Amino acid sequence: MSVNADIRGNITNVQLISGSVNSRLDKRHLKMARNWKLKPSSNGRRGVTIITQYQLQ
């Protein structure tokens, strides 16, 4: 998944780069990512990798 954010840490764009075999799970993950609030960058970082983990029930 690719996530873009503005300088305040607000998510501006979310795209699925490589999905799982479960399209429902992919859609849910995209929906969750759109609601993230990232810490604003104080040094202009770009291309930061974020690892997410979730548990299936």
PDB file of N, CA and C in Angstrom:
ATOM      1  N   MET A   1       0.835  -1.148   0.000  1.00  0.00           N
ATOM      2  CA  MET A   1       0.000   0.000   0.000  1.00  0.00           C
ATOM      3  C   MET A   1       0.893   1.228   0.000  1.00  0.00           C
ATOM      4  N   SER A   2       0.460   2.235  -0.727  1.00  0.00           N
ATOM      5  CA  SER A   2       1.147   3.520  -0.768  1.00  0.00           C
ATOM      6  C   SER A   2       0.226   4.553  -0.136  1.00  0.00           C
ATOM      7  N   VAL A   3       0.776   5.325   0.802  1.00  0.00           N
ATOM      8  CA  VAL A   3      -0.005   6.338   1.508  1.00  0.00           C
ATOM      9  C   VAL A   3       0.722   7.667   1.407  1.00  0.00           C
ATOM     10  N   ASN A   4       0.026   8.688   0.962  1.00  0.00           N
ATOM     11  CA  ASN A   4       0.578  10.039   0.919  1.00  0.00           C
ATOM     12  C   ASN A   4      -0.088  10.870   2.002  1.00  0.00           C
ATOM     13  N   ALA A   5       0.683  11.776   2.582  1.00  0.00           N
ATOM     14  CA  ALA A   5       0.151  12.653   3.625  1.00  0.00           C
ATOM     15  C   ALA A   5       0.652  14.067   3.388  1.00  0.00           C
ATOM     16  N   ASP A   6      -0.130  15.035   3.880  1.00  0.00           N
ATOM     17  CA  ASP A   6       0.302  16.426   3.775  1.00  0.00           C
ATOM     18  C   ASP A   6       1.251  16.756   4.924  1.00  0.00           C
ATOM     19  N   ILE A   7       1.713  17.995   5.006  1.00  0.00           N
ATOM     20  CA  ILE A   7       2.716  18.362   6.016  1.00  0.00           C
ATOM     21  C   ILE A   7       2.163  18.303   7.435  1.00  0.00           C
ATOM     22  N   ARG A   8       0.850  18.262   7.580  1.00  0.00           N
ATOM     23  CA  ARG A   8       0.233  18.163   8.904  1.00  0.00           C
ATOM     24  C   ARG A   8      -0.015  16.718   9.333  1.00  0.00           C
ATOM     25  N   GLY A   9       0.289  15.768   8.444  1.00  0.00           N
ATOM     26  CA  GLY A   9       0.093  14.360   8.764  1.00  0.00           C
ATOM     27  C   GLY A   9      -1.260  13.813   8.342  1.00  0.00           C
ATOM     28  N   ASN A  10      -2.051  14.607   7.624  1.00  0.00           N
ATOM     29  CA  ASN A  10      -3.348  14.145   7.134  1.00  0.00           C
ATOM     30  C   ASN A  10      -3.164  13.307   5.871  1.00  0.00           C
ATOM     31  N   ILE A  11      -3.863  12.199   5.779  1.00  0.00           N
ATOM     32  CA  ILE A  11      -3.773  11.316   4.624  1.00  0.00           C
ATOM     33  C   ILE A  11      -4.449  11.979   3.431  1.00  0.00           C
ATOM     34  N   THR A  12      -3.735  12.040   2.319  1.00  0.00           N
ATOM     35  CA  THR A  12      -4.278  12.663   1.114  1.00  0.00           C
ATOM     36  C   THR A  12      -4.519  11.666  -0.011  1.00  0.00           C
ATOM     37  N   ASN A  13      -3.864  10.499   0.040  1.00  0.00           N
ATOM     38  CA  ASN A  13      -4.026   9.510  -1.022  1.00  0.00           C
ATOM     39  C   ASN A  13      -3.612   8.139  -0.501  1.00  0.00           C
ATOM     40  N   VAL A  14      -4.393   7.119  -0.849  1.00  0.00           N
ATOM     41  CA  VAL A  14      -4.080   5.739  -0.474  1.00  0.00           C
ATOM     42  C   VAL A  14      -4.262   4.868  -1.710  1.00  0.00           C
ATOM     43  N   GLN A  15      -3.255   4.053  -2.016  1.00  0.00           N
ATOM     44  CA  GLN A  15      -3.334   3.151  -3.165  1.00  0.00           C
ATOM     45  C   GLN A  15      -2.815   1.779  -2.771  1.00  0.00           C
ATOM     46  N   LEU A  16      -3.462   0.758  -3.277  1.00  0.00           N
ATOM     47  CA  LEU A  16      -3.016  -0.609  -3.054  1.00  0.00           C
ATOM     48  C   LEU A  16      -1.952  -0.949  -4.090  1.00  0.00           C
ATOM     49  N   ILE A  17      -0.768  -1.283  -3.640  1.00  0.00           N
ATOM     50  CA  ILE A  17       0.340  -1.625  -4.531  1.00  0.00           C
ATOM     51  C   ILE A  17       0.334  -3.122  -4.823  1.00  0.00           C
ATOM     52  N   SER A  18       0.208  -3.912  -3.788  1.00  0.00           N
ATOM     53  CA  SER A  18       0.178  -5.363  -3.931  1.00  0.00           C
ATOM     54  C   SER A  18      -0.850  -5.899  -2.946  1.00  0.00           C
ATOM     55  N   GLY A  19      -1.916  -6.462  -3.467  1.00  0.00           N
ATOM     56  CA  GLY A  19      -2.994  -6.930  -2.607  1.00  0.00           C
ATOM     57  C   GLY A  19      -2.791  -8.354  -2.130  1.00  0.00           C
ATOM     58  N   SER A  20      -3.645  -8.729  -1.200  1.00  0.00           N
ATOM     59  CA  SER A  20      -3.658 -10.102  -0.716  1.00  0.00           C
ATOM     60  C   SER A  20      -4.582 -10.913  -1.617  1.00  0.00           C
ATOM     61  N   VAL A  21      -4.837 -12.132  -1.260  1.00  0.00           N
ATOM     62  CA  VAL A  21      -5.776 -12.954  -2.018  1.00  0.00           C
ATOM     63  C   VAL A  21      -7.217 -12.695  -1.582  1.00  0.00           C
ATOM     64  N   ASN A  22      -7.398 -11.842  -0.588  1.00  0.00           N
ATOM     65  CA  ASN A  22      -8.715 -11.543  -0.043  1.00  0.00           C
ATOM     66  C   ASN A  22      -9.072 -10.088  -0.347  1.00  0.00           C
ATOM     67  N   SER A  23      -9.913  -9.862  -1.338  1.00  0.00           N
ATOM     68  CA  SER A  23     -10.246  -8.488  -1.735  1.00  0.00           C
ATOM     69  C   SER A  23     -11.001  -7.737  -0.642  1.00  0.00           C
ATOM     70  N   ARG A  24     -11.792  -8.440   0.162  1.00  0.00           N
ATOM     71  CA  ARG A  24     -12.493  -7.769   1.278  1.00  0.00           C
ATOM     72  C   ARG A  24     -11.493  -7.227   2.291  1.00  0.00           C
ATOM     73  N   LEU A  25     -10.475  -8.009   2.577  1.00  0.00           N
ATOM     74  CA  LEU A  25      -9.432  -7.585   3.501  1.00  0.00           C
ATOM     75  C   LEU A  25      -8.673  -6.386   2.940  1.00  0.00           C
ATOM     76  N   ASP A  26      -8.361  -6.422   1.662  1.00  0.00           N
ATOM     77  CA  ASP A  26      -7.664  -5.304   1.017  1.00  0.00           C
ATOM     78  C   ASP A  26      -8.487  -4.023   1.112  1.00  0.00           C
ATOM     79  N   LYS A  27      -9.775  -4.113   0.813  1.00  0.00           N
ATOM     80  CA  LYS A  27     -10.651  -2.935   0.878  1.00  0.00           C
ATOM     81  C   LYS A  27     -10.738  -2.391   2.294  1.00  0.00           C
ATOM     82  N   ARG A  28     -10.808  -3.277   3.269  1.00  0.00           N
ATOM     83  CA  ARG A  28     -10.877  -2.855   4.680  1.00  0.00           C
ATOM     84  C   ARG A  28      -9.586  -2.150   5.088  1.00  0.00           C
ATOM     85  N   HIS A  29      -8.459  -2.685   4.671  1.00  0.00           N
ATOM     86  CA  HIS A  29      -7.172  -2.087   5.016  1.00  0.00           C
ATOM     87  C   HIS A  29      -7.043  -0.693   4.392  1.00  0.00           C
ATOM     88  N   LEU A  30      -7.482  -0.538   3.144  1.00  0.00           N
ATOM     89  CA  LEU A  30      -7.466   0.774   2.495  1.00  0.00           C
ATOM     90  C   LEU A  30      -8.357   1.759   3.243  1.00  0.00           C
ATOM     91  N   LYS A  31      -9.538   1.302   3.642  1.00  0.00           N
ATOM     92  CA  LYS A  31     -10.468   2.163   4.379  1.00  0.00           C
ATOM     93  C   LYS A  31      -9.857   2.613   5.702  1.00  0.00           C
ATOM     94  N   MET A  32      -9.215   1.691   6.408  1.00  0.00           N
ATOM     95  CA  MET A  32      -8.575   2.032   7.683  1.00  0.00           C
ATOM     96  C   MET A  32      -7.449   3.044   7.468  1.00  0.00           C
ATOM     97  N   ALA A  33      -6.653   2.848   6.427  1.00  0.00           N
ATOM     98  CA  ALA A  33      -5.513   3.734   6.168  1.00  0.00           C
ATOM     99  C   ALA A  33      -5.970   5.157   5.865  1.00  0.00           C
ATOM    100  N   ARG A  34      -7.118   5.310   5.228  1.00  0.00           N
ATOM    101  CA  ARG A  34      -7.630   6.653   4.919  1.00  0.00           C
ATOM    102  C   ARG A  34      -7.946   7.446   6.187  1.00  0.00           C
ATOM    103  N   ASN A  35      -8.135   6.758   7.305  1.00  0.00           N
ATOM    104  CA  ASN A  35      -8.454   7.419   8.572  1.00  0.00           C
ATOM    105  C   ASN A  35      -7.239   7.623   9.473  1.00  0.00           C
ATOM    106  N   TRP A  36      -6.069   7.202   9.030  1.00  0.00           N
ATOM    107  CA  TRP A  36      -4.860   7.393   9.823  1.00  0.00           C
ATOM    108  C   TRP A  36      -4.553   8.872   9.988  1.00  0.00           C
ATOM    109  N   LYS A  37      -3.861   9.192  11.056  1.00  0.00           N
ATOM    110  CA  LYS A  37      -3.303  10.526  11.277  1.00  0.00           C
ATOM    111  C   LYS A  37      -1.835  10.292  11.603  1.00  0.00           C
ATOM    112  N   LEU A  38      -0.956  10.752  10.728  1.00  0.00           N
ATOM    113  CA  LEU A  38       0.476  10.550  10.918  1.00  0.00           C
ATOM    114  C   LEU A  38       1.087  11.728  11.656  1.00  0.00           C
ATOM    115  N   LYS A  39       2.185  11.475  12.318  1.00  0.00           N
ATOM    116  CA  LYS A  39       2.914  12.545  12.997  1.00  0.00           C
ATOM    117  C   LYS A  39       3.529  13.454  11.930  1.00  0.00           C
ATOM    118  N   PRO A  40       3.301  14.758  12.048  1.00  0.00           N
ATOM    119  CA  PRO A  40       3.888  15.678  11.061  1.00  0.00           C
ATOM    120  C   PRO A  40       5.409  15.547  11.008  1.00  0.00           C
ATOM    121  N   SER A  41       5.952  15.646   9.827  1.00  0.00           N
ATOM    122  CA  SER A  41       7.392  15.539   9.628  1.00  0.00           C
ATOM    123  C   SER A  41       8.060  16.868   9.942  1.00  0.00           C
ATOM    124  N   SER A  42       9.042  16.827  10.807  1.00  0.00           N
ATOM    125  CA  SER A  42       9.765  18.051  11.163  1.00  0.00           C
ATOM    126  C   SER A  42      10.977  18.274  10.261  1.00  0.00           C
ATOM    127  N   ASN A  43      11.381  17.239   9.521  1.00  0.00           N
ATOM    128  CA  ASN A  43      12.574  17.375   8.686  1.00  0.00           C
ATOM    129  C   ASN A  43      12.301  17.076   7.209  1.00  0.00           C
ATOM    130  N   GLY A  44      11.039  17.080   6.796  1.00  0.00           N
ATOM    131  CA  GLY A  44      10.711  16.876   5.387  1.00  0.00           C
ATOM    132  C   GLY A  44      10.926  15.467   4.881  1.00  0.00           C
ATOM    133  N   ARG A  45      10.785  14.463   5.757  1.00  0.00           N
ATOM    134  CA  ARG A  45      10.980  13.065   5.337  1.00  0.00           C
ATOM    135  C   ARG A  45      10.037  12.712   4.196  1.00  0.00           C
ATOM    136  N   ARG A  46      10.517  11.839   3.337  1.00  0.00           N
ATOM    137  CA  ARG A  46       9.695  11.321   2.238  1.00  0.00           C
ATOM    138  C   ARG A  46       9.962   9.827   2.101  1.00  0.00           C
ATOM    139  N   GLY A  47       8.949   9.102   1.693  1.00  0.00           N
ATOM    140  CA  GLY A  47       9.118   7.673   1.444  1.00  0.00           C
ATOM    141  C   GLY A  47       9.363   6.856   2.690  1.00  0.00           C
ATOM    142  N   VAL A  48       8.723   7.205   3.777  1.00  0.00           N
ATOM    143  CA  VAL A  48       8.879   6.462   5.020  1.00  0.00           C
ATOM    144  C   VAL A  48       8.050   5.186   4.947  1.00  0.00           C
ATOM    145  N   THR A  49       8.621   4.070   5.345  1.00  0.00           N
ATOM    146  CA  THR A  49       7.917   2.794   5.358  1.00  0.00           C
ATOM    147  C   THR A  49       7.212   2.613   6.688  1.00  0.00           C
ATOM    148  N   ILE A  50       5.947   2.229   6.612  1.00  0.00           N
ATOM    149  CA  ILE A  50       5.167   1.953   7.814  1.00  0.00           C
ATOM    150  C   ILE A  50       4.690   0.512   7.723  1.00  0.00           C
ATOM    151  N   ILE A  51       4.958  -0.264   8.748  1.00  0.00           N
ATOM    152  CA  ILE A  51       4.519  -1.654   8.785  1.00  0.00           C
ATOM    153  C   ILE A  51       3.268  -1.732   9.637  1.00  0.00           C
ATOM    154  N   THR A  52       2.231  -2.342   9.093  1.00  0.00           N
ATOM    155  CA  THR A  52       0.994  -2.501   9.851  1.00  0.00           C
ATOM    156  C   THR A  52       0.755  -3.974  10.114  1.00  0.00           C
ATOM    157  N   GLN A  53       0.187  -4.251  11.256  1.00  0.00           N
ATOM    158  CA  GLN A  53      -0.179  -5.616  11.602  1.00  0.00           C
ATOM    159  C   GLN A  53      -1.638  -5.611  12.014  1.00  0.00           C
ATOM    160  N   TYR A  54      -2.336  -6.661  11.649  1.00  0.00           N
ATOM    161  CA  TYR A  54      -3.714  -6.798  12.073  1.00  0.00           C
ATOM    162  C   TYR A  54      -4.009  -8.272  12.260  1.00  0.00           C
ATOM    163  N   GLN A  55      -5.013  -8.535  13.074  1.00  0.00           N
ATOM    164  CA  GLN A  55      -5.356  -9.905  13.413  1.00  0.00           C
ATOM    165  C   GLN A  55      -6.704 -10.256  12.795  1.00  0.00           C
ATOM    166  N   LEU A  56      -6.767 -11.386  12.149  1.00  0.00           N
ATOM    167  CA  LEU A  56      -8.025 -11.870  11.583  1.00  0.00           C
ATOM    168  C   LEU A  56      -8.806 -12.603  12.656  1.00  0.00           C
ATOM    169  N   GLN A  57     -10.095 -12.349  12.683  1.00  0.00           N
ATOM    170  CA  GLN A  57     -10.944 -13.031  13.671  1.00  0.00           C
ATOM    171  C   GLN A  57     -11.937 -13.928  12.984  1.00  0.00           C
TER     172      GLN A  57
END
